[in-house]
C-alpha atoms as a PDB file:
ATOM      1  CA  MET A   1     185.628 109.854 156.881  1.00  0.00           C
ATOM      2  CA  LYS A   2     184.907 108.578 160.234  1.00  0.00           C
ATOM      3  CA  ASN A   3     184.959 111.934 162.003  1.00  0.00           C
ATOM      4  CA  LYS A   4     182.529 113.481 159.493  1.00  0.00           C
ATOM      5  CA  THR A   5     179.845 110.729 159.728  1.00  0.00           C
ATOM      6  CA  LYS A   6     180.405 110.721 163.457  1.00  0.00           C
ATOM      7  CA  ILE A   7     179.796 114.821 163.278  1.00  0.00           C
ATOM      8  CA  PHE A   8     176.871 114.677 160.741  1.00  0.00           C
ATOM      9  CA  ALA A   9     175.433 112.042 163.232  1.00  0.00           C
ATOM     10  CA  ASP A  10     175.643 114.353 166.450  1.00  0.00           C
ATOM     11  CA  ILE A  11     173.967 116.752 164.258  1.00  0.00           C
ATOM     12  CA  TYR A  12     171.177 114.958 162.847  1.00  0.00           C
ATOM     13  CA  LEU A  13     170.236 113.486 166.708  1.00  0.00           C
ATOM     14  CA  VAL A  14     170.477 117.147 167.691  1.00  0.00           C
ATOM     15  CA  VAL A  15     167.821 118.063 165.443  1.00  0.00           C
ATOM     16  CA  VAL A  16     165.761 115.334 166.193  1.00  0.00           C
ATOM     17  CA  MET A  17     166.027 115.756 169.761  1.00  0.00           C
ATOM     18  CA  LEU A  18     165.016 119.396 169.516  1.00  0.00           C
ATOM     19  CA  LEU A  19     162.142 118.716 167.132  1.00  0.00           C
ATOM     20  CA  VAL A  20     160.795 116.430 169.478  1.00  0.00           C
ATOM     21  CA  LEU A  21     161.736 118.473 173.040  1.00  0.00           C
ATOM     22  CA  ILE A  22     161.254 122.216 171.892  1.00  0.00           C
ATOM     23  CA  PRO A  23     157.279 121.682 171.835  1.00  0.00           C
ATOM     24  CA  LEU A  24     157.219 119.871 175.295  1.00  0.00           C
ATOM     25  CA  LEU A  25     159.577 122.704 176.758  1.00  0.00           C
ATOM     26  CA  SER A  26     157.581 125.565 175.259  1.00  0.00           C
ATOM     27  CA  MET A  27     154.316 123.524 176.879  1.00  0.00           C
ATOM     28  CA  ILE A  28     156.246 123.420 180.407  1.00  0.00           C
ATOM     29  CA  ILE A  29     157.281 127.075 180.248  1.00  0.00           C
ATOM     30  CA  PHE A  30     153.737 128.419 179.321  1.00  0.00           C
ATOM     31  CA  SER A  31     152.326 126.382 181.790  1.00  0.00           C
ATOM     32  CA  PHE A  32     153.847 129.022 184.558  1.00  0.00           C
ATOM     33  CA  ASN A  33     152.696 132.010 182.391  1.00  0.00           C
ATOM     34  CA  GLU A  34     150.583 134.587 184.461  1.00  0.00           C
ATOM     35  CA  SER A  35     148.955 135.913 181.884  1.00  0.00           C
ATOM     36  CA  THR A  36     146.521 133.800 179.525  1.00  0.00           C
ATOM     37  CA  SER A  37     148.394 133.774 176.350  1.00  0.00           C
ATOM     38  CA  LEU A  38     150.538 131.077 174.822  1.00  0.00           C
ATOM     39  CA  ILE A  39     153.005 133.449 172.746  1.00  0.00           C
ATOM     40  CA  VAL A  40     153.831 136.725 175.383  1.00  0.00           C
ATOM     41  CA  PHE A  41     155.558 135.186 178.776  1.00  0.00           C
ATOM     42  CA  THR A  42     154.500 137.976 181.165  1.00  0.00           C
ATOM     43  CA  GLY A  43     155.418 136.483 184.566  1.00  0.00           C
ATOM     44  CA  PHE A  44     155.731 133.670 186.376  1.00  0.00           C
ATOM     45  CA  THR A  45     153.041 131.883 188.685  1.00  0.00           C
ATOM     46  CA  PHE A  46     151.518 128.497 189.693  1.00  0.00           C
ATOM     47  CA  ASN A  47     148.003 129.816 189.353  1.00  0.00           C
ATOM     48  CA  TRP A  48     147.043 127.505 186.669  1.00  0.00           C
ATOM     49  CA  TYR A  49     148.266 124.614 188.573  1.00  0.00           C
ATOM     50  CA  GLY A  50     145.914 125.399 191.598  1.00  0.00           C
ATOM     51  CA  ASP A  51     143.572 125.909 188.885  1.00  0.00           C
ATOM     52  CA  LEU A  52     143.422 121.992 187.847  1.00  0.00           C
ATOM     53  CA  LEU A  53     142.269 121.644 191.939  1.00  0.00           C
ATOM     54  CA  THR A  54     139.035 124.049 191.503  1.00  0.00           C
ATOM     55  CA  SER A  55     137.949 123.914 188.379  1.00  0.00           C
ATOM     56  CA  SER A  56     135.257 121.299 187.483  1.00  0.00           C
ATOM     57  CA  SER A  57     135.068 121.693 184.295  1.00  0.00           C
ATOM     58  CA  LEU A  58     139.107 120.071 184.183  1.00  0.00           C
ATOM     59  CA  ARG A  59     138.576 117.639 187.646  1.00  0.00           C
ATOM     60  CA  GLU A  60     135.675 116.005 186.001  1.00  0.00           C
ATOM     61  CA  PRO A  61     137.914 114.297 182.863  1.00  0.00           C
ATOM     62  CA  ILE A  62     140.624 113.843 185.224  1.00  0.00           C
ATOM     63  CA  ILE A  63     138.506 111.591 187.295  1.00  0.00           C
ATOM     64  CA  ASN A  64     136.659 109.765 184.258  1.00  0.00           C
ATOM     65  CA  THR A  65     139.964 109.366 182.584  1.00  0.00           C
ATOM     66  CA  LEU A  66     141.509 107.702 185.954  1.00  0.00           C
ATOM     67  CA  VAL A  67     138.107 105.487 186.292  1.00  0.00           C
ATOM     68  CA  VAL A  68     138.135 104.378 183.029  1.00  0.00           C
ATOM     69  CA  ALA A  69     142.162 103.419 182.518  1.00  0.00           C
ATOM     70  CA  GLY A  70     142.206 102.000 185.681  1.00  0.00           C
ATOM     71  CA  ILE A  71     138.715  99.737 185.541  1.00  0.00           C
ATOM     72  CA  SER A  72     139.629  98.646 181.897  1.00  0.00           C
ATOM     73  CA  THR A  73     143.188  98.196 182.432  1.00  0.00           C
ATOM     74  CA  LEU A  74     142.188  95.539 185.667  1.00  0.00           C
ATOM     75  CA  PHE A  75     139.396  93.705 183.324  1.00  0.00           C
ATOM     76  CA  ALA A  76     141.883  93.908 180.381  1.00  0.00           C
ATOM     77  CA  VAL A  77     144.042  92.367 182.526  1.00  0.00           C
ATOM     78  CA  ILE A  78     142.170  89.253 183.915  1.00  0.00           C
ATOM     79  CA  ILE A  79     140.734  88.674 180.799  1.00  0.00           C
ATOM     80  CA  GLY A  80     143.991  88.698 178.652  1.00  0.00           C
ATOM     81  CA  THR A  81     146.015  86.755 181.323  1.00  0.00           C
ATOM     82  CA  PHE A  82     143.278  83.972 181.459  1.00  0.00           C
ATOM     83  CA  GLY A  83     142.984  84.260 177.589  1.00  0.00           C
ATOM     84  CA  ALA A  84     146.720  83.881 177.349  1.00  0.00           C
ATOM     85  CA  ILE A  85     146.300  80.934 179.750  1.00  0.00           C
ATOM     86  CA  ALA A  86     143.344  79.277 178.127  1.00  0.00           C
ATOM     87  CA  LEU A  87     145.188  79.433 174.518  1.00  0.00           C
ATOM     88  CA  SER A  88     148.433  77.200 175.753  1.00  0.00           C
ATOM     89  CA  LYS A  89     146.110  74.383 176.224  1.00  0.00           C
ATOM     90  CA  GLN A  90     144.768  74.808 172.640  1.00  0.00           C
ATOM     91  CA  ASN A  91     146.276  72.953 169.790  1.00  0.00           C
ATOM     92  CA  ARG A  92     148.152  74.726 167.473  1.00  0.00           C
ATOM     93  CA  LEU A  93     145.942  75.545 164.307  1.00  0.00           C
ATOM     94  CA  PHE A  94     143.106  76.976 167.222  1.00  0.00           C
ATOM     95  CA  ARG A  95     145.899  79.083 168.581  1.00  0.00           C
ATOM     96  CA  GLU A  96     147.620  80.697 165.576  1.00  0.00           C
ATOM     97  CA  ILE A  97     143.767  81.274 164.465  1.00  0.00           C
ATOM     98  CA  SER A  98     142.831  82.693 168.145  1.00  0.00           C
ATOM     99  CA  LEU A  99     145.813  84.842 167.799  1.00  0.00           C
ATOM    100  CA  SER A 100     145.258  86.079 164.258  1.00  0.00           C
ATOM    101  CA  PHE A 101     141.738  87.494 165.773  1.00  0.00           C
ATOM    102  CA  ASN A 102     143.259  88.813 168.475  1.00  0.00           C
ATOM    103  CA  ASN A 103     145.414  90.804 166.540  1.00  0.00           C
ATOM    104  CA  ILE A 104     142.451  92.679 164.334  1.00  0.00           C
ATOM    105  CA  PRO A 105     142.157  95.305 166.513  1.00  0.00           C
ATOM    106  CA  ILE A 106     145.796  95.995 167.013  1.00  0.00           C
ATOM    107  CA  LEU A 107     146.572  96.406 163.882  1.00  0.00           C
ATOM    108  CA  SER A 108     143.214  98.252 162.474  1.00  0.00           C
ATOM    109  CA  PRO A 109     143.575 101.654 162.592  1.00  0.00           C
ATOM    110  CA  ASP A 110     141.575 103.254 165.623  1.00  0.00           C
ATOM    111  CA  ILE A 111     138.404 104.824 163.596  1.00  0.00           C
ATOM    112  CA  LEU A 112     137.344 101.275 162.632  1.00  0.00           C
ATOM    113  CA  THR A 113     137.451 100.300 165.790  1.00  0.00           C
ATOM    114  CA  ALA A 114     135.197 103.222 166.906  1.00  0.00           C
ATOM    115  CA  VAL A 115     132.819 102.987 164.137  1.00  0.00           C
ATOM    116  CA  ALA A 116     131.927  99.508 165.033  1.00  0.00           C
ATOM    117  CA  PHE A 117     131.569  99.957 168.611  1.00  0.00           C
ATOM    118  CA  PHE A 118     129.268 103.037 167.735  1.00  0.00           C
ATOM    119  CA  VAL A 119     127.203 100.929 165.312  1.00  0.00           C
ATOM    120  CA  PHE A 120     127.140  97.930 168.027  1.00  0.00           C
ATOM    121  CA  LEU A 121     125.895 100.511 170.450  1.00  0.00           C
ATOM    122  CA  ILE A 122     123.423 102.500 168.408  1.00  0.00           C
ATOM    123  CA  ALA A 123     122.416  98.848 166.920  1.00  0.00           C
ATOM    124  CA  PHE A 124     121.107  97.854 170.362  1.00  0.00           C
ATOM    125  CA  SER A 125     119.751 101.106 171.283  1.00  0.00           C
ATOM    126  CA  ILE A 126     122.352 101.377 174.517  1.00  0.00           C
ATOM    127  CA  GLU A 127     122.889 104.832 175.370  1.00  0.00           C
ATOM    128  CA  ARG A 128     126.185 106.654 175.397  1.00  0.00           C
ATOM    129  CA  GLY A 129     128.239 107.505 178.248  1.00  0.00           C
ATOM    130  CA  LEU A 130     130.970 106.375 181.018  1.00  0.00           C
ATOM    131  CA  PHE A 131     129.839 103.015 181.034  1.00  0.00           C
ATOM    132  CA  THR A 132     130.008 102.580 177.510  1.00  0.00           C
ATOM    133  CA  MET A 133     133.485 104.302 177.244  1.00  0.00           C
ATOM    134  CA  ILE A 134     134.805 101.737 179.890  1.00  0.00           C
ATOM    135  CA  LEU A 135     133.115  98.664 177.428  1.00  0.00           C
ATOM    136  CA  ALA A 136     134.977 100.411 174.644  1.00  0.00           C
ATOM    137  CA  HIS A 137     138.490 100.563 176.327  1.00  0.00           C
ATOM    138  CA  ILE A 138     138.042  97.345 177.863  1.00  0.00           C
ATOM    139  CA  SER A 139     137.293  95.519 174.148  1.00  0.00           C
ATOM    140  CA  PHE A 140     140.374  97.247 172.394  1.00  0.00           C
ATOM    141  CA  CYS A 141     142.683  97.136 175.850  1.00  0.00           C
ATOM    142  CA  THR A 142     142.205  93.404 176.056  1.00  0.00           C
ATOM    143  CA  PRO A 143     144.513  92.071 172.735  1.00  0.00           C
ATOM    144  CA  TYR A 144     147.547  94.304 174.388  1.00  0.00           C
ATOM    145  CA  ALA A 145     147.154  92.253 177.523  1.00  0.00           C
ATOM    146  CA  LEU A 146     147.004  89.294 176.093  1.00  0.00           C
ATOM    147  CA  LEU A 147     149.958  89.513 173.718  1.00  0.00           C
ATOM    148  CA  ALA A 148     151.881  90.729 176.904  1.00  0.00           C
ATOM    149  CA  VAL A 149     151.458  87.639 178.952  1.00  0.00           C
ATOM    150  CA  TYR A 150     150.944  84.781 176.041  1.00  0.00           C
ATOM    151  CA  PRO A 151     154.759  84.363 174.815  1.00  0.00           C
ATOM    152  CA  LYS A 152     155.672  84.481 179.183  1.00  0.00           C
ATOM    153  CA  VAL A 153     153.107  81.665 179.488  1.00  0.00           C
ATOM    154  CA  ARG A 154     154.362  79.545 176.766  1.00  0.00           C
ATOM    155  CA  SER A 155     157.835  79.525 178.232  1.00  0.00           C
ATOM    156  CA  LEU A 156     156.231  78.065 181.399  1.00  0.00           C
ATOM    157  CA  ASP A 157     157.592  74.619 182.571  1.00  0.00           C
ATOM    158  CA  PRO A 158     154.336  72.329 182.759  1.00  0.00           C
ATOM    159  CA  ASN A 159     155.954  70.003 185.570  1.00  0.00           C
ATOM    160  CA  LEU A 160     156.195  72.784 188.118  1.00  0.00           C
ATOM    161  CA  VAL A 161     152.427  72.746 187.979  1.00  0.00           C
ATOM    162  CA  GLU A 162     151.819  68.897 187.864  1.00  0.00           C
ATOM    163  CA  ALA A 163     154.518  69.288 190.667  1.00  0.00           C
ATOM    164  CA  ALA A 164     152.441  71.037 192.128  1.00  0.00           C
ATOM    165  CA  TYR A 165     149.177  69.225 191.855  1.00  0.00           C
ATOM    166  CA  ASP A 166     151.154  65.957 192.939  1.00  0.00           C
ATOM    167  CA  LEU A 167     151.746  68.011 196.404  1.00  0.00           C
ATOM    168  CA  GLY A 168     148.475  68.048 196.609  1.00  0.00           C
ATOM    169  CA  ALA A 169     147.720  71.662 195.669  1.00  0.00           C
ATOM    170  CA  THR A 170     144.165  72.268 193.917  1.00  0.00           C
ATOM    171  CA  PRO A 171     144.349  73.763 190.479  1.00  0.00           C
ATOM    172  CA  PHE A 172     142.890  77.279 191.747  1.00  0.00           C
ATOM    173  CA  LYS A 173     146.200  77.393 194.221  1.00  0.00           C
ATOM    174  CA  ALA A 174     148.444  76.074 192.122  1.00  0.00           C
ATOM    175  CA  LEU A 175     147.501  78.809 189.413  1.00  0.00           C
ATOM    176  CA  TRP A 176     147.811  81.758 192.366  1.00  0.00           C
ATOM    177  CA  LYS A 177     150.811  79.907 193.930  1.00  0.00           C
ATOM    178  CA  VAL A 178     152.785  78.761 190.846  1.00  0.00           C
ATOM    179  CA  VAL A 179     151.611  80.224 187.896  1.00  0.00           C
ATOM    180  CA  PHE A 180     150.856  83.774 188.544  1.00  0.00           C
ATOM    181  CA  PRO A 181     153.824  84.482 190.492  1.00  0.00           C
ATOM    182  CA  GLN A 182     156.083  83.590 187.182  1.00  0.00           C
ATOM    183  CA  LEU A 183     153.793  85.643 185.329  1.00  0.00           C
ATOM    184  CA  ARG A 184     154.090  88.696 187.594  1.00  0.00           C
ATOM    185  CA  GLY A 185     156.664  90.437 185.252  1.00  0.00           C
ATOM    186  CA  SER A 186     154.490  90.038 181.883  1.00  0.00           C
ATOM    187  CA  ILE A 187     151.007  90.953 183.806  1.00  0.00           C
ATOM    188  CA  ILE A 188     152.571  94.293 185.117  1.00  0.00           C
ATOM    189  CA  ALA A 189     153.583  95.016 181.161  1.00  0.00           C
ATOM    190  CA  GLY A 190     150.340  94.238 179.836  1.00  0.00           C
ATOM    191  CA  ALA A 191     148.680  96.332 182.857  1.00  0.00           C
ATOM    192  CA  ALA A 192     151.124  99.502 181.637  1.00  0.00           C
ATOM    193  CA  ILE A 193     150.378  99.235 177.963  1.00  0.00           C
ATOM    194  CA  ALA A 194     146.736  98.943 178.729  1.00  0.00           C
ATOM    195  CA  PHE A 195     146.424 101.873 181.142  1.00  0.00           C
ATOM    196  CA  THR A 196     148.801 103.845 178.793  1.00  0.00           C
ATOM    197  CA  MET A 197     146.168 102.695 175.336  1.00  0.00           C
ATOM    198  CA  SER A 198     143.374 103.565 177.505  1.00  0.00           C
ATOM    199  CA  PHE A 199     144.712 107.183 178.994  1.00  0.00           C
ATOM    200  CA  ASP A 200     145.890 108.181 175.839  1.00  0.00           C
ATOM    201  CA  ASP A 201     142.614 107.411 173.467  1.00  0.00           C
ATOM    202  CA  TYR A 202     140.910 109.783 171.920  1.00  0.00           C
ATOM    203  CA  ILE A 203     139.118 108.717 168.889  1.00  0.00           C
ATOM    204  CA  ILE A 204     137.295 105.535 170.559  1.00  0.00           C
ATOM    205  CA  SER A 205     136.636 107.558 173.645  1.00  0.00           C
ATOM    206  CA  LYS A 206     134.432 110.052 171.536  1.00  0.00           C
ATOM    207  CA  PHE A 207     132.527 107.628 169.309  1.00  0.00           C
ATOM    208  CA  ALA A 208     131.768 105.718 172.656  1.00  0.00           C
ATOM    209  CA  SER A 209     131.149 108.076 174.889  1.00  0.00           C
ATOM    210  CA  GLY A 210     128.866 110.879 173.722  1.00  0.00           C
ATOM    211  CA  GLU A 211     128.695 114.425 173.959  1.00  0.00           C
ATOM    212  CA  LEU A 212     128.253 114.829 177.795  1.00  0.00           C
ATOM    213  CA  VAL A 213     131.123 112.567 179.156  1.00  0.00           C
ATOM    214  CA  ASN A 214     134.554 113.689 178.574  1.00  0.00           C
ATOM    215  CA  ASN A 215     138.187 112.032 179.781  1.00  0.00           C
ATOM    216  CA  ILE A 216     141.250 113.932 179.496  1.00  0.00           C
ATOM    217  CA  SER A 217     142.110 113.527 175.622  1.00  0.00           C
ATOM    218  CA  THR A 218     138.345 114.504 174.206  1.00  0.00           C
ATOM    219  CA  TYR A 219     138.701 117.525 176.725  1.00  0.00           C
ATOM    220  CA  MET A 220     142.230 118.715 175.811  1.00  0.00           C
ATOM    221  CA  TYR A 221     140.764 117.908 171.761  1.00  0.00           C
ATOM    222  CA  SER A 222     137.954 120.391 172.376  1.00  0.00           C
ATOM    223  CA  GLN A 223     140.305 123.425 173.955  1.00  0.00           C
ATOM    224  CA  ALA A 224     142.133 123.127 170.618  1.00  0.00           C
ATOM    225  CA  HIS A 225     141.108 126.193 169.228  1.00  0.00           C
ATOM    226  CA  GLY A 226     141.554 128.009 172.630  1.00  0.00           C
ATOM    227  CA  ILE A 227     143.646 126.248 174.968  1.00  0.00           C
ATOM    228  CA  ARG A 228     143.595 127.314 178.673  1.00  0.00           C
ATOM    229  CA  PRO A 229     146.797 127.429 181.002  1.00  0.00           C
ATOM    230  CA  SER A 230     145.603 124.819 183.274  1.00  0.00           C
ATOM    231  CA  VAL A 231     145.666 122.381 180.042  1.00  0.00           C
ATOM    232  CA  ASN A 232     149.411 123.229 179.880  1.00  0.00           C
ATOM    233  CA  ALA A 233     149.784 122.643 183.336  1.00  0.00           C
ATOM    234  CA  LEU A 234     148.185 119.085 183.475  1.00  0.00           C
ATOM    235  CA  SER A 235     150.301 118.320 180.200  1.00  0.00           C
ATOM    236  CA  THR A 236     153.181 118.874 182.215  1.00  0.00           C
ATOM    237  CA  ILE A 237     152.356 117.227 185.637  1.00  0.00           C
ATOM    238  CA  ILE A 238     151.843 113.970 182.618  1.00  0.00           C
ATOM    239  CA  ILE A 239     155.089 114.729 181.615  1.00  0.00           C
ATOM    240  CA  VAL A 240     156.829 114.714 184.634  1.00  0.00           C
ATOM    241  CA  VAL A 241     155.091 111.474 185.741  1.00  0.00           C
ATOM    242  CA  ILE A 242     156.023 109.723 182.517  1.00  0.00           C
ATOM    243  CA  GLY A 243     159.917 110.888 183.359  1.00  0.00           C
ATOM    244  CA  VAL A 244     159.659 109.885 186.816  1.00  0.00           C
ATOM    245  CA  LYS A 245     158.051 106.666 185.730  1.00  0.00           C
ATOM    246  CA  VAL A 246     161.198 105.957 182.841  1.00  0.00           C
ATOM    247  CA  ILE A 247     164.187 107.280 185.291  1.00  0.00           C
ATOM    248  CA  LEU A 248     162.885 104.634 188.048  1.00  0.00           C
ATOM    249  CA  ASP A 249     162.424 101.999 185.512  1.00  0.00           C
ATOM    250  CA  TYR A 250     166.063 102.912 183.922  1.00  0.00           C
ATOM    251  CA  VAL A 251     167.541 102.589 187.801  1.00  0.00           C
ATOM    252  CA  ASN A 252     165.962  99.270 188.359  1.00  0.00           C
ATOM    253  CA  LEU A 253     166.980  97.716 185.620  1.00  0.00           C
ATOM    254  CA  LYS A 254     170.670  98.982 186.004  1.00  0.00           C
ATOM    255  CA  LYS A 255     170.510  97.843 189.390  1.00  0.00           C
ATOM    256  CA  LYS A 256     169.105  94.414 187.466  1.00  0.00           C
ATOM    257  CA  LYS A 257     172.023  94.327 185.380  1.00  0.00           C
ATOM    258  CA  GLU A 258     175.018  95.175 188.519  1.00  0.00           C
ATOM    259  CA  GLU A 259     173.320  92.289 190.182  1.00  0.00           C
ATOM    260  CA  GLU A 260     173.298  89.683 187.500  1.00  0.00           C
ATOM    261  CA  GLU A 261     177.256  90.832 186.930  1.00  0.00           C
ATOM    262  CA  GLU A 262     177.805  89.851 190.538  1.00  0.00           C
END
């Protein structure tokens, strides 16, 4: 009975992995296709990867994506970290209410956030563009950064800060030398989440940027009815970068576990 269950579990796992990996593998393979066909593989080439560097229609969305994700991540982490520290100093009722409001954008569908921001821009006659896209991304990324940092802030030992004050440290120096080093891991996690959310977003970007500004997501969606192989090449690079990051995280985690066991 156990053997049958194991066989069924193995088959199920293989099927699931195939469903996940086959579309990705197909995209990677056809990113090297010599022709523009997405069905017939006619020959091997790196031309579409070179097209990423020479094509202005692709270069602009890539730059916009990195600029928006970078700036929004920076501000989201700063606002979220200081917000988490400020919340930890408040009474329980205020904390619970504030966290509930913070969770609303996370739990709400992206389309609601996008429409709300769109209405806000229209109401104040603000022209949509790269700047408004950055503002929108800061707005929806900040709650994720705050949630990533807040649990660690709550677990900090307040006596360490008091000891720093007793030794003559200013509030800023105590924050920089005592609090931030303990929050480093949570801040990095919050930054990673914020960057990923910004990089991946389509709906909010579309409503906040208008027709003249594209990031990678909005550009790829506009190519849905006629995808260029260079888009496959870009997607392949993104997958490789993510894969390398996952492998490095796994190796680092394994090293830490080995060090703890020793």
